[in-house]
Amino acid sequence: MQEGQHEEQQDQPLTRQKRWQAEHPKARWAHLELASALRRGIVTKQPCEVCGAAQVDGHHDNYDMPAVVRWLCRRHHRAVHAKRG
């Protein structure tokens, strides 16, 4: 990295994802814990609980329990968030 380049990167605005992570540290922690549990085989993905689709995201109803998730396809995961506002 060239001299002064580090300072320029600090001045750049945060991406939407980085801003969300900074604003939701508990949620970020739960996501990282779930990813770790998946890698270690403690948790395994299940089909979407609504439609049975194989490609799913884990939805946390309670961030204090990071390994307890509802497995939802992207469509149904978005629908859950849309209902919550």
Protein backbone atom coordinates (compact mmCIF):
# COMPACT_ATOMS: atom_id res chain seq x y z
CA MET A 1 0.00 0.00 0.00
CA GLN A 2 1.38 3.38 -0.94
CA GLU A 3 1.88 6.24 1.48
CA GLY A 4 -1.39 8.08 2.07
CA GLN A 5 -3.53 5.34 0.53
CA HIS A 6 -4.73 4.11 3.94
CA GLU A 7 -6.04 7.55 4.84
CA GLU A 8 -7.96 7.75 1.55
CA GLN A 9 -9.73 4.45 2.28
CA GLN A 10 -10.80 5.71 5.70
CA ASP A 11 -12.46 8.73 4.09
CA GLN A 12 -14.63 6.57 1.81
CA PRO A 13 -18.24 6.14 2.92
CA LEU A 14 -19.20 2.80 4.40
CA THR A 15 -20.94 0.35 2.14
CA ARG A 16 -24.55 -0.46 2.97
CA GLN A 17 -23.42 -3.82 4.37
CA LYS A 18 -20.67 -2.32 6.56
CA ARG A 19 -23.06 0.34 7.85
CA TRP A 20 -25.64 -2.36 8.74
CA GLN A 21 -22.94 -4.35 10.56
CA ALA A 22 -21.88 -1.29 12.56
CA GLU A 23 -25.49 -0.48 13.47
CA HIS A 24 -26.44 -4.07 14.42
CA PRO A 25 -23.52 -5.64 16.33
CA LYS A 26 -25.64 -8.31 18.05
CA ALA A 27 -27.15 -9.44 14.74
CA ARG A 28 -23.68 -9.50 13.16
CA TRP A 29 -22.39 -11.62 16.06
CA ALA A 30 -25.30 -14.07 15.64
CA HIS A 31 -24.62 -14.35 11.90
CA LEU A 32 -20.93 -15.08 12.51
CA GLU A 33 -21.76 -17.66 15.19
CA LEU A 34 -24.21 -19.40 12.86
CA ALA A 35 -21.64 -19.46 10.06
CA SER A 36 -19.13 -21.00 12.47
CA ALA A 37 -21.65 -23.62 13.65
CA LEU A 38 -22.39 -24.51 10.02
CA ARG A 39 -18.67 -24.90 9.21
CA ARG A 40 -18.13 -27.10 12.27
CA GLY A 41 -21.15 -29.27 11.52
CA ILE A 42 -22.99 -28.29 14.71
CA VAL A 43 -25.88 -26.95 12.62
CA THR A 44 -26.99 -28.18 9.20
CA LYS A 45 -29.12 -26.31 6.72
CA GLN A 46 -32.66 -27.55 6.23
CA PRO A 47 -35.10 -26.89 3.36
CA CYS A 48 -37.26 -23.76 3.50
CA GLU A 49 -39.89 -24.32 6.17
CA VAL A 50 -42.53 -22.73 3.92
CA CYS A 51 -41.94 -24.10 0.41
CA GLY A 52 -39.20 -26.73 0.76
CA ALA A 53 -36.64 -24.95 -1.43
CA ALA A 54 -33.07 -26.18 -0.94
CA GLN A 55 -31.30 -22.79 -1.19
CA VAL A 56 -31.98 -21.13 2.16
CA ASP A 57 -30.92 -18.44 4.62
CA GLY A 58 -31.06 -18.80 8.38
CA HIS A 59 -33.50 -16.34 9.96
CA HIS A 60 -32.90 -15.44 13.59
CA ASP A 61 -36.02 -14.77 15.63
CA ASN A 62 -33.75 -14.22 18.66
CA TYR A 63 -30.15 -13.03 18.25
CA ASP A 64 -29.32 -14.31 21.75
CA MET A 65 -29.61 -17.85 20.34
CA PRO A 66 -27.43 -17.74 17.22
CA ALA A 67 -27.67 -21.45 16.37
CA VAL A 68 -31.49 -21.45 16.53
CA VAL A 69 -32.80 -20.28 13.18
CA ARG A 70 -35.72 -20.73 10.84
CA TRP A 71 -34.55 -21.94 7.44
CA LEU A 72 -36.20 -19.84 4.74
CA CYS A 73 -35.63 -19.36 1.02
CA ARG A 74 -34.81 -15.79 0.01
CA ARG A 75 -38.42 -15.10 -1.03
CA HIS A 76 -39.88 -16.19 2.29
CA HIS A 77 -37.05 -14.64 4.30
CA ARG A 78 -37.78 -11.27 2.71
CA ALA A 79 -41.50 -11.76 3.39
CA VAL A 80 -40.79 -12.27 7.11
CA HIS A 81 -38.80 -9.03 7.24
CA ALA A 82 -41.46 -7.15 5.26
CA LYS A 83 -44.11 -8.16 7.82
CA ARG A 84 -41.96 -6.87 10.69
CA GLY A 85 -41.57 -3.51 9.02
